[in-house]
Amino acid sequence: MLETVGMTRAQLRRMLLYENSVGGLFGIVSFVVGSVLSNAMLTQGFGVDIAPISLPVMGILLFLFAAGGMTAELSYRMLTKTSLTERVRLGE
């Protein structure tokens, strides 16, 4: 629908990548903050000493961030596979 009011395909692709990137960054920041807070609570409250963030978990988060970028690209390609008039007519 945004293309009907003048958005170009490049702008649409950029918007999808931006939205997924912001969501991914929010998820990574939330994980890091939650991990640090839970580590502090466990250490001070129960005397349990754990690593705040493990390297495998950070690798998984980075993988999920990259998967979000690929998802944005795939959704862009699926959206733009048909012509604009077809998409408007079908209500996609």
PDB file of N, CA and C in Angstrom:
ATOM      1  N   MET A   1       0.805  -1.192   0.000  1.00  0.00           N
ATOM      2  CA  MET A   1       0.000   0.000   0.000  1.00  0.00           C
ATOM      3  C   MET A   1       0.855   1.267   0.000  1.00  0.00           C
ATOM      4  N   LEU A   2       2.005   1.191   0.611  1.00  0.00           N
ATOM      5  CA  LEU A   2       2.857   2.384   0.647  1.00  0.00           C
ATOM      6  C   LEU A   2       3.361   2.764  -0.737  1.00  0.00           C
ATOM      7  N   GLU A   3       3.484   1.782  -1.610  1.00  0.00           N
ATOM      8  CA  GLU A   3       3.901   2.094  -2.976  1.00  0.00           C
ATOM      9  C   GLU A   3       2.829   2.881  -3.726  1.00  0.00           C
ATOM     10  N   THR A   4       1.565   2.701  -3.369  1.00  0.00           N
ATOM     11  CA  THR A   4       0.500   3.434  -4.049  1.00  0.00           C
ATOM     12  C   THR A   4       0.543   4.923  -3.752  1.00  0.00           C
ATOM     13  N   VAL A   5       1.166   5.310  -2.649  1.00  0.00           N
ATOM     14  CA  VAL A   5       1.271   6.739  -2.319  1.00  0.00           C
ATOM     15  C   VAL A   5       2.665   7.284  -2.597  1.00  0.00           C
ATOM     16  N   GLY A   6       3.487   6.518  -3.331  1.00  0.00           N
ATOM     17  CA  GLY A   6       4.757   7.056  -3.795  1.00  0.00           C
ATOM     18  C   GLY A   6       6.020   6.457  -3.221  1.00  0.00           C
ATOM     19  N   MET A   7       5.930   5.473  -2.345  1.00  0.00           N
ATOM     20  CA  MET A   7       7.148   4.868  -1.798  1.00  0.00           C
ATOM     21  C   MET A   7       7.805   4.007  -2.878  1.00  0.00           C
ATOM     22  N   THR A   8       9.099   4.178  -3.038  1.00  0.00           N
ATOM     23  CA  THR A   8       9.817   3.382  -4.022  1.00  0.00           C
ATOM     24  C   THR A   8      10.159   2.011  -3.440  1.00  0.00           C
ATOM     25  N   ARG A   9      10.551   1.101  -4.305  1.00  0.00           N
ATOM     26  CA  ARG A   9      10.922  -0.239  -3.827  1.00  0.00           C
ATOM     27  C   ARG A   9      12.157  -0.191  -2.929  1.00  0.00           C
ATOM     28  N   ALA A  10      13.091   0.693  -3.251  1.00  0.00           N
ATOM     29  CA  ALA A  10      14.282   0.825  -2.402  1.00  0.00           C
ATOM     30  C   ALA A  10      13.896   1.333  -1.014  1.00  0.00           C
ATOM     31  N   GLN A  11      12.965   2.265  -0.951  1.00  0.00           N
ATOM     32  CA  GLN A  11      12.513   2.767   0.344  1.00  0.00           C
ATOM     33  C   GLN A  11      11.776   1.684   1.122  1.00  0.00           C
ATOM     34  N   LEU A  12      10.992   0.867   0.431  1.00  0.00           N
ATOM     35  CA  LEU A  12      10.288  -0.231   1.079  1.00  0.00           C
ATOM     36  C   LEU A  12      11.269  -1.247   1.652  1.00  0.00           C
ATOM     37  N   ARG A  13      12.283  -1.599   0.866  1.00  0.00           N
ATOM     38  CA  ARG A  13      13.311  -2.540   1.344  1.00  0.00           C
ATOM     39  C   ARG A  13      14.025  -1.968   2.565  1.00  0.00           C
ATOM     40  N   ARG A  14      14.395  -0.705   2.509  1.00  0.00           N
ATOM     41  CA  ARG A  14      15.089  -0.052   3.620  1.00  0.00           C
ATOM     42  C   ARG A  14      14.207  -0.031   4.874  1.00  0.00           C
ATOM     43  N   MET A  15      12.910   0.240   4.703  1.00  0.00           N
ATOM     44  CA  MET A  15      11.998   0.276   5.835  1.00  0.00           C
ATOM     45  C   MET A  15      11.895  -1.096   6.498  1.00  0.00           C
ATOM     46  N   LEU A  16      11.765  -2.154   5.707  1.00  0.00           N
ATOM     47  CA  LEU A  16      11.680  -3.500   6.273  1.00  0.00           C
ATOM     48  C   LEU A  16      12.958  -3.881   7.013  1.00  0.00           C
ATOM     49  N   LEU A  17      14.106  -3.558   6.431  1.00  0.00           N
ATOM     50  CA  LEU A  17      15.375  -3.851   7.104  1.00  0.00           C
ATOM     51  C   LEU A  17      15.521  -3.044   8.392  1.00  0.00           C
ATOM     52  N   TYR A  18      15.103  -1.794   8.356  1.00  0.00           N
ATOM     53  CA  TYR A  18      15.178  -0.939   9.543  1.00  0.00           C
ATOM     54  C   TYR A  18      14.288  -1.486  10.657  1.00  0.00           C
ATOM     55  N   GLU A  19      13.052  -1.846  10.324  1.00  0.00           N
ATOM     56  CA  GLU A  19      12.134  -2.362  11.334  1.00  0.00           C
ATOM     57  C   GLU A  19      12.675  -3.637  11.977  1.00  0.00           C
ATOM     58  N   ASN A  20      13.202  -4.548  11.167  1.00  0.00           N
ATOM     59  CA  ASN A  20      13.752  -5.781  11.725  1.00  0.00           C
ATOM     60  C   ASN A  20      15.016  -5.518  12.528  1.00  0.00           C
ATOM     61  N   SER A  21      15.833  -4.573  12.094  1.00  0.00           N
ATOM     62  CA  SER A  21      17.061  -4.245  12.828  1.00  0.00           C
ATOM     63  C   SER A  21      16.740  -3.654  14.189  1.00  0.00           C
ATOM     64  N   VAL A  22      15.776  -2.756  14.237  1.00  0.00           N
ATOM     65  CA  VAL A  22      15.396  -2.152  15.516  1.00  0.00           C
ATOM     66  C   VAL A  22      14.855  -3.217  16.460  1.00  0.00           C
ATOM     67  N   GLY A  23      14.026  -4.111  15.940  1.00  0.00           N
ATOM     68  CA  GLY A  23      13.511  -5.201  16.771  1.00  0.00           C
ATOM     69  C   GLY A  23      14.621  -6.113  17.268  1.00  0.00           C
ATOM     70  N   GLY A  24      15.576  -6.416  16.396  1.00  0.00           N
ATOM     71  CA  GLY A  24      16.700  -7.258  16.790  1.00  0.00           C
ATOM     72  C   GLY A  24      17.581  -6.594  17.832  1.00  0.00           C
ATOM     73  N   LEU A  25      17.864  -5.320  17.639  1.00  0.00           N
ATOM     74  CA  LEU A  25      18.679  -4.596  18.624  1.00  0.00           C
ATOM     75  C   LEU A  25      17.962  -4.496  19.957  1.00  0.00           C
ATOM     76  N   PHE A  26      16.662  -4.263  19.923  1.00  0.00           N
ATOM     77  CA  PHE A  26      15.890  -4.221  21.164  1.00  0.00           C
ATOM     78  C   PHE A  26      15.969  -5.564  21.882  1.00  0.00           C
ATOM     79  N   GLY A  27      15.879  -6.655  21.136  1.00  0.00           N
ATOM     80  CA  GLY A  27      15.979  -7.985  21.736  1.00  0.00           C
ATOM     81  C   GLY A  27      17.343  -8.241  22.356  1.00  0.00           C
ATOM     82  N   ILE A  28      18.409  -7.846  21.655  1.00  0.00           N
ATOM     83  CA  ILE A  28      19.765  -8.048  22.178  1.00  0.00           C
ATOM     84  C   ILE A  28      19.983  -7.220  23.436  1.00  0.00           C
ATOM     85  N   VAL A  29      19.577  -5.956  23.400  1.00  0.00           N
ATOM     86  CA  VAL A  29      19.745  -5.085  24.574  1.00  0.00           C
ATOM     87  C   VAL A  29      18.919  -5.610  25.746  1.00  0.00           C
ATOM     88  N   SER A  30      17.693  -6.054  25.483  1.00  0.00           N
ATOM     89  CA  SER A  30      16.849  -6.604  26.544  1.00  0.00           C
ATOM     90  C   SER A  30      17.491  -7.840  27.162  1.00  0.00           C
ATOM     91  N   PHE A  31      18.069  -8.693  26.318  1.00  0.00           N
ATOM     92  CA  PHE A  31      18.724  -9.885  26.836  1.00  0.00           C
ATOM     93  C   PHE A  31      19.914  -9.526  27.718  1.00  0.00           C
ATOM     94  N   VAL A  32      20.734  -8.597  27.253  1.00  0.00           N
ATOM     95  CA  VAL A  32      21.934  -8.226  28.017  1.00  0.00           C
ATOM     96  C   VAL A  32      21.539  -7.615  29.351  1.00  0.00           C
ATOM     97  N   VAL A  33      20.587  -6.689  29.336  1.00  0.00           N
ATOM     98  CA  VAL A  33      20.160  -6.058  30.585  1.00  0.00           C
ATOM     99  C   VAL A  33      19.536  -7.094  31.520  1.00  0.00           C
ATOM    100  N   GLY A  34      18.682  -7.949  30.999  1.00  0.00           N
ATOM    101  CA  GLY A  34      18.071  -8.990  31.818  1.00  0.00           C
ATOM    102  C   GLY A  34      19.088  -9.957  32.386  1.00  0.00           C
ATOM    103  N   SER A  35      20.083 -10.293  31.583  1.00  0.00           N
ATOM    104  CA  SER A  35      21.120 -11.205  32.043  1.00  0.00           C
ATOM    105  C   SER A  35      21.943 -10.588  33.173  1.00  0.00           C
ATOM    106  N   VAL A  36      22.298  -9.336  33.010  1.00  0.00           N
ATOM    107  CA  VAL A  36      23.086  -8.656  34.048  1.00  0.00           C
ATOM    108  C   VAL A  36      22.270  -8.513  35.329  1.00  0.00           C
ATOM    109  N   LEU A  37      20.996  -8.130  35.197  1.00  0.00           N
ATOM    110  CA  LEU A  37      20.153  -7.975  36.384  1.00  0.00           C
ATOM    111  C   LEU A  37      19.914  -9.308  37.093  1.00  0.00           C
ATOM    112  N   SER A  38      19.639 -10.355  36.334  1.00  0.00           N
ATOM    113  CA  SER A  38      19.411 -11.651  36.979  1.00  0.00           C
ATOM    114  C   SER A  38      20.685 -12.176  37.621  1.00  0.00           C
ATOM    115  N   ASN A  39      21.828 -11.918  37.007  1.00  0.00           N
ATOM    116  CA  ASN A  39      23.096 -12.318  37.612  1.00  0.00           C
ATOM    117  C   ASN A  39      23.306 -11.581  38.926  1.00  0.00           C
ATOM    118  N   ALA A  40      23.016 -10.278  38.936  1.00  0.00           N
ATOM    119  CA  ALA A  40      23.190  -9.503  40.164  1.00  0.00           C
ATOM    120  C   ALA A  40      22.248  -9.994  41.262  1.00  0.00           C
ATOM    121  N   MET A  41      21.005 -10.287  40.910  1.00  0.00           N
ATOM    122  CA  MET A  41      20.044 -10.768  41.917  1.00  0.00           C
ATOM    123  C   MET A  41      20.435 -12.142  42.451  1.00  0.00           C
ATOM    124  N   LEU A  42      20.875 -13.047  41.568  1.00  0.00           N
ATOM    125  CA  LEU A  42      21.269 -14.379  42.024  1.00  0.00           C
ATOM    126  C   LEU A  42      22.524 -14.339  42.881  1.00  0.00           C
ATOM    127  N   THR A  43      23.462 -13.475  42.496  1.00  0.00           N
ATOM    128  CA  THR A  43      24.711 -13.382  43.248  1.00  0.00           C
ATOM    129  C   THR A  43      24.472 -12.779  44.630  1.00  0.00           C
ATOM    130  N   GLN A  44      23.724 -11.694  44.678  1.00  0.00           N
ATOM    131  CA  GLN A  44      23.512 -11.018  45.965  1.00  0.00           C
ATOM    132  C   GLN A  44      22.449 -11.710  46.826  1.00  0.00           C
ATOM    133  N   GLY A  45      21.426 -12.250  46.209  1.00  0.00           N
ATOM    134  CA  GLY A  45      20.342 -12.842  46.981  1.00  0.00           C
ATOM    135  C   GLY A  45      20.598 -14.262  47.432  1.00  0.00           C
ATOM    136  N   PHE A  46      21.216 -15.064  46.580  1.00  0.00           N
ATOM    137  CA  PHE A  46      21.369 -16.487  46.887  1.00  0.00           C
ATOM    138  C   PHE A  46      22.822 -16.959  46.911  1.00  0.00           C
ATOM    139  N   GLY A  47      23.737 -16.088  46.585  1.00  0.00           N
ATOM    140  CA  GLY A  47      25.142 -16.472  46.592  1.00  0.00           C
ATOM    141  C   GLY A  47      25.543 -17.351  45.425  1.00  0.00           C
ATOM    142  N   VAL A  48      24.727 -17.387  44.384  1.00  0.00           N
ATOM    143  CA  VAL A  48      25.019 -18.189  43.202  1.00  0.00           C
ATOM    144  C   VAL A  48      25.838 -17.333  42.247  1.00  0.00           C
ATOM    145  N   ASP A  49      26.968 -17.854  41.815  1.00  0.00           N
ATOM    146  CA  ASP A  49      27.830 -17.094  40.917  1.00  0.00           C
ATOM    147  C   ASP A  49      27.781 -17.716  39.524  1.00  0.00           C
ATOM    148  N   ILE A  50      27.189 -16.996  38.586  1.00  0.00           N
ATOM    149  CA  ILE A  50      27.112 -17.467  37.202  1.00  0.00           C
ATOM    150  C   ILE A  50      27.694 -16.396  36.291  1.00  0.00           C
ATOM    151  N   ALA A  51      28.055 -16.817  35.099  1.00  0.00           N
ATOM    152  CA  ALA A  51      28.548 -15.855  34.111  1.00  0.00           C
ATOM    153  C   ALA A  51      27.358 -15.036  33.610  1.00  0.00           C
ATOM    154  N   PRO A  52      27.469 -13.708  33.577  1.00  0.00           N
ATOM    155  CA  PRO A  52      26.333 -12.887  33.155  1.00  0.00           C
ATOM    156  C   PRO A  52      25.906 -13.155  31.712  1.00  0.00           C
ATOM    157  N   ILE A  53      26.840 -13.283  30.811  1.00  0.00           N
ATOM    158  CA  ILE A  53      26.513 -13.539  29.408  1.00  0.00           C
ATOM    159  C   ILE A  53      27.527 -14.543  28.881  1.00  0.00           C
ATOM    160  N   SER A  54      27.045 -15.627  28.325  1.00  0.00           N
ATOM    161  CA  SER A  54      27.963 -16.610  27.780  1.00  0.00           C
ATOM    162  C   SER A  54      28.169 -16.361  26.291  1.00  0.00           C
ATOM    163  N   LEU A  55      29.319 -16.747  25.795  1.00  0.00           N
ATOM    164  CA  LEU A  55      29.622 -16.531  24.378  1.00  0.00           C
ATOM    165  C   LEU A  55      28.701 -17.298  23.438  1.00  0.00           C
ATOM    166  N   PRO A  56      28.328 -18.551  23.740  1.00  0.00           N
ATOM    167  CA  PRO A  56      27.397 -19.228  22.832  1.00  0.00           C
ATOM    168  C   PRO A  56      26.059 -18.500  22.713  1.00  0.00           C
ATOM    169  N   VAL A  57      25.584 -17.948  23.813  1.00  0.00           N
ATOM    170  CA  VAL A  57      24.315 -17.233  23.770  1.00  0.00           C
ATOM    171  C   VAL A  57      24.445 -15.989  22.902  1.00  0.00           C
ATOM    172  N   MET A  58      25.557 -15.280  23.015  1.00  0.00           N
ATOM    173  CA  MET A  58      25.754 -14.087  22.173  1.00  0.00           C
ATOM    174  C   MET A  58      25.828 -14.491  20.702  1.00  0.00           C
ATOM    175  N   GLY A  59      26.436 -15.634  20.424  1.00  0.00           N
ATOM    176  CA  GLY A  59      26.474 -16.122  19.045  1.00  0.00           C
ATOM    177  C   GLY A  59      25.084 -16.424  18.519  1.00  0.00           C
ATOM    178  N   ILE A  60      24.264 -17.028  19.364  1.00  0.00           N
ATOM    179  CA  ILE A  60      22.889 -17.321  18.969  1.00  0.00           C
ATOM    180  C   ILE A  60      22.121 -16.034  18.723  1.00  0.00           C
ATOM    181  N   LEU A  61      22.311 -15.042  19.587  1.00  0.00           N
ATOM    182  CA  LEU A  61      21.625 -13.763  19.396  1.00  0.00           C
ATOM    183  C   LEU A  61      22.059 -13.081  18.101  1.00  0.00           C
ATOM    184  N   LEU A  62      23.335 -13.136  17.800  1.00  0.00           N
ATOM    185  CA  LEU A  62      23.803 -12.540  16.549  1.00  0.00           C
ATOM    186  C   LEU A  62      23.256 -13.299  15.345  1.00  0.00           C
ATOM    187  N   PHE A  63      23.160 -14.617  15.469  1.00  0.00           N
ATOM    188  CA  PHE A  63      22.563 -15.417  14.402  1.00  0.00           C
ATOM    189  C   PHE A  63      21.101 -15.034  14.197  1.00  0.00           C
ATOM    190  N   LEU A  64      20.365 -14.876  15.287  1.00  0.00           N
ATOM    191  CA  LEU A  64      18.958 -14.487  15.181  1.00  0.00           C
ATOM    192  C   LEU A  64      18.807 -13.093  14.587  1.00  0.00           C
ATOM    193  N   PHE A  65      19.744 -12.203  14.903  1.00  0.00           N
ATOM    194  CA  PHE A  65      19.728 -10.861  14.317  1.00  0.00           C
ATOM    195  C   PHE A  65      19.922 -10.957  12.803  1.00  0.00           C
ATOM    196  N   ALA A  66      20.852 -11.793  12.373  1.00  0.00           N
ATOM    197  CA  ALA A  66      21.074 -11.993  10.929  1.00  0.00           C
ATOM    198  C   ALA A  66      19.865 -12.661  10.286  1.00  0.00           C
ATOM    199  N   ALA A  67      19.247 -13.599  10.988  1.00  0.00           N
ATOM    200  CA  ALA A  67      18.051 -14.253  10.461  1.00  0.00           C
ATOM    201  C   ALA A  67      16.919 -13.251  10.286  1.00  0.00           C
ATOM    202  N   GLY A  68      16.835 -12.262  11.171  1.00  0.00           N
ATOM    203  CA  GLY A  68      15.836 -11.206  11.022  1.00  0.00           C
ATOM    204  C   GLY A  68      16.065 -10.399   9.764  1.00  0.00           C
ATOM    205  N   GLY A  69      17.334 -10.131   9.446  1.00  0.00           N
ATOM    206  CA  GLY A  69      17.647  -9.421   8.204  1.00  0.00           C
ATOM    207  C   GLY A  69      17.267 -10.225   6.979  1.00  0.00           C
ATOM    208  N   MET A  70      17.526 -11.532   7.040  1.00  0.00           N
ATOM    209  CA  MET A  70      17.143 -12.386   5.915  1.00  0.00           C
ATOM    210  C   MET A  70      15.625 -12.467   5.788  1.00  0.00           C
ATOM    211  N   THR A  71      14.935 -12.481   6.914  1.00  0.00           N
ATOM    212  CA  THR A  71      13.480 -12.499   6.889  1.00  0.00           C
ATOM    213  C   THR A  71      12.928 -11.236   6.245  1.00  0.00           C
ATOM    214  N   ALA A  72      13.543 -10.096   6.566  1.00  0.00           N
ATOM    215  CA  ALA A  72      13.113  -8.829   5.953  1.00  0.00           C
ATOM    216  C   ALA A  72      13.311  -8.875   4.447  1.00  0.00           C
ATOM    217  N   GLU A  73      14.447  -9.387   4.012  1.00  0.00           N
ATOM    218  CA  GLU A  73      14.718  -9.465   2.581  1.00  0.00           C
ATOM    219  C   GLU A  73      13.739 -10.413   1.888  1.00  0.00           C
ATOM    220  N   LEU A  74      13.474 -11.554   2.489  1.00  0.00           N
ATOM    221  CA  LEU A  74      12.533 -12.498   1.897  1.00  0.00           C
ATOM    222  C   LEU A  74      11.116 -11.934   1.847  1.00  0.00           C
ATOM    223  N   SER A  75      10.713 -11.235   2.903  1.00  0.00           N
ATOM    224  CA  SER A  75       9.374 -10.648   2.872  1.00  0.00           C
ATOM    225  C   SER A  75       9.286  -9.564   1.817  1.00  0.00           C
ATOM    226  N   TYR A  76      10.368  -8.804   1.626  1.00  0.00           N
ATOM    227  CA  TYR A  76      10.391  -7.795   0.562  1.00  0.00           C
ATOM    228  C   TYR A  76      10.236  -8.467  -0.798  1.00  0.00           C
ATOM    229  N   ARG A  77      10.974  -9.531  -1.011  1.00  0.00           N
ATOM    230  CA  ARG A  77      10.899 -10.221  -2.309  1.00  0.00           C
ATOM    231  C   ARG A  77       9.518 -10.823  -2.542  1.00  0.00           C
ATOM    232  N   MET A  78       8.906 -11.353  -1.495  1.00  0.00           N
ATOM    233  CA  MET A  78       7.558 -11.907  -1.651  1.00  0.00           C
ATOM    234  C   MET A  78       6.543 -10.807  -1.940  1.00  0.00           C
ATOM    235  N   LEU A  79       6.729  -9.662  -1.287  1.00  0.00           N
ATOM    236  CA  LEU A  79       5.805  -8.548  -1.508  1.00  0.00           C
ATOM    237  C   LEU A  79       5.888  -8.003  -2.920  1.00  0.00           C
ATOM    238  N   THR A  80       7.088  -7.912  -3.445  1.00  0.00           N
ATOM    239  CA  THR A  80       7.279  -7.255  -4.736  1.00  0.00           C
ATOM    240  C   THR A  80       7.298  -8.235  -5.906  1.00  0.00           C
ATOM    241  N   LYS A  81       6.958  -9.495  -5.650  1.00  0.00           N
ATOM    242  CA  LYS A  81       6.970 -10.491  -6.721  1.00  0.00           C
ATOM    243  C   LYS A  81       5.888 -10.183  -7.763  1.00  0.00           C
ATOM    244  N   THR A  82       4.746  -9.729  -7.303  1.00  0.00           N
ATOM    245  CA  THR A  82       3.659  -9.401  -8.222  1.00  0.00           C
ATOM    246  C   THR A  82       3.633  -7.895  -8.465  1.00  0.00           C
ATOM    247  N   SER A  83       2.908  -7.489  -9.485  1.00  0.00           N
ATOM    248  CA  SER A  83       2.843  -6.063  -9.804  1.00  0.00           C
ATOM    249  C   SER A  83       2.029  -5.318  -8.749  1.00  0.00           C
ATOM    250  N   LEU A  84       2.223  -4.014  -8.711  1.00  0.00           N
ATOM    251  CA  LEU A  84       1.535  -3.180  -7.732  1.00  0.00           C
ATOM    252  C   LEU A  84       0.018  -3.236  -7.929  1.00  0.00           C
ATOM    253  N   THR A  85      -0.426  -3.204  -9.160  1.00  0.00           N
ATOM    254  CA  THR A  85      -1.870  -3.244  -9.405  1.00  0.00           C
ATOM    255  C   THR A  85      -2.477  -4.571  -8.962  1.00  0.00           C
ATOM    256  N   GLU A  86      -1.758  -5.664  -9.154  1.00  0.00           N
ATOM    257  CA  GLU A  86      -2.237  -6.967  -8.688  1.00  0.00           C
ATOM    258  C   GLU A  86      -2.356  -6.983  -7.165  1.00  0.00           C
ATOM    259  N   ARG A  87      -1.355  -6.433  -6.497  1.00  0.00           N
ATOM    260  CA  ARG A  87      -1.370  -6.426  -5.030  1.00  0.00           C
ATOM    261  C   ARG A  87      -2.499  -5.572  -4.488  1.00  0.00           C
ATOM    262  N   VAL A  88      -2.741  -4.431  -5.103  1.00  0.00           N
ATOM    263  CA  VAL A  88      -3.832  -3.565  -4.659  1.00  0.00           C
ATOM    264  C   VAL A  88      -5.172  -4.239  -4.919  1.00  0.00           C
ATOM    265  N   ARG A  89      -5.302  -4.841  -6.082  1.00  0.00           N
ATOM    266  CA  ARG A  89      -6.553  -5.499  -6.441  1.00  0.00           C
ATOM    267  C   ARG A  89      -6.859  -6.658  -5.507  1.00  0.00           C
ATOM    268  N   LEU A  90      -5.829  -7.428  -5.128  1.00  0.00           N
ATOM    269  CA  LEU A  90      -6.021  -8.583  -4.265  1.00  0.00           C
ATOM    270  C   LEU A  90      -6.039  -8.214  -2.782  1.00  0.00           C
ATOM    271  N   GLY A  91      -5.668  -6.983  -2.471  1.00  0.00           N
ATOM    272  CA  GLY A  91      -5.672  -6.536  -1.079  1.00  0.00           C
ATOM    273  C   GLY A  91      -4.508  -7.039  -0.258  1.00  0.00           C
ATOM    274  N   GLU A  92      -3.355  -7.279  -0.874  1.00  0.00           N
ATOM    275  CA  GLU A  92      -2.188  -7.781  -0.140  1.00  0.00           C
ATOM    276  C   GLU A  92      -1.455  -6.661   0.496  1.00  0.00           C
TER     277      GLU A  92
END
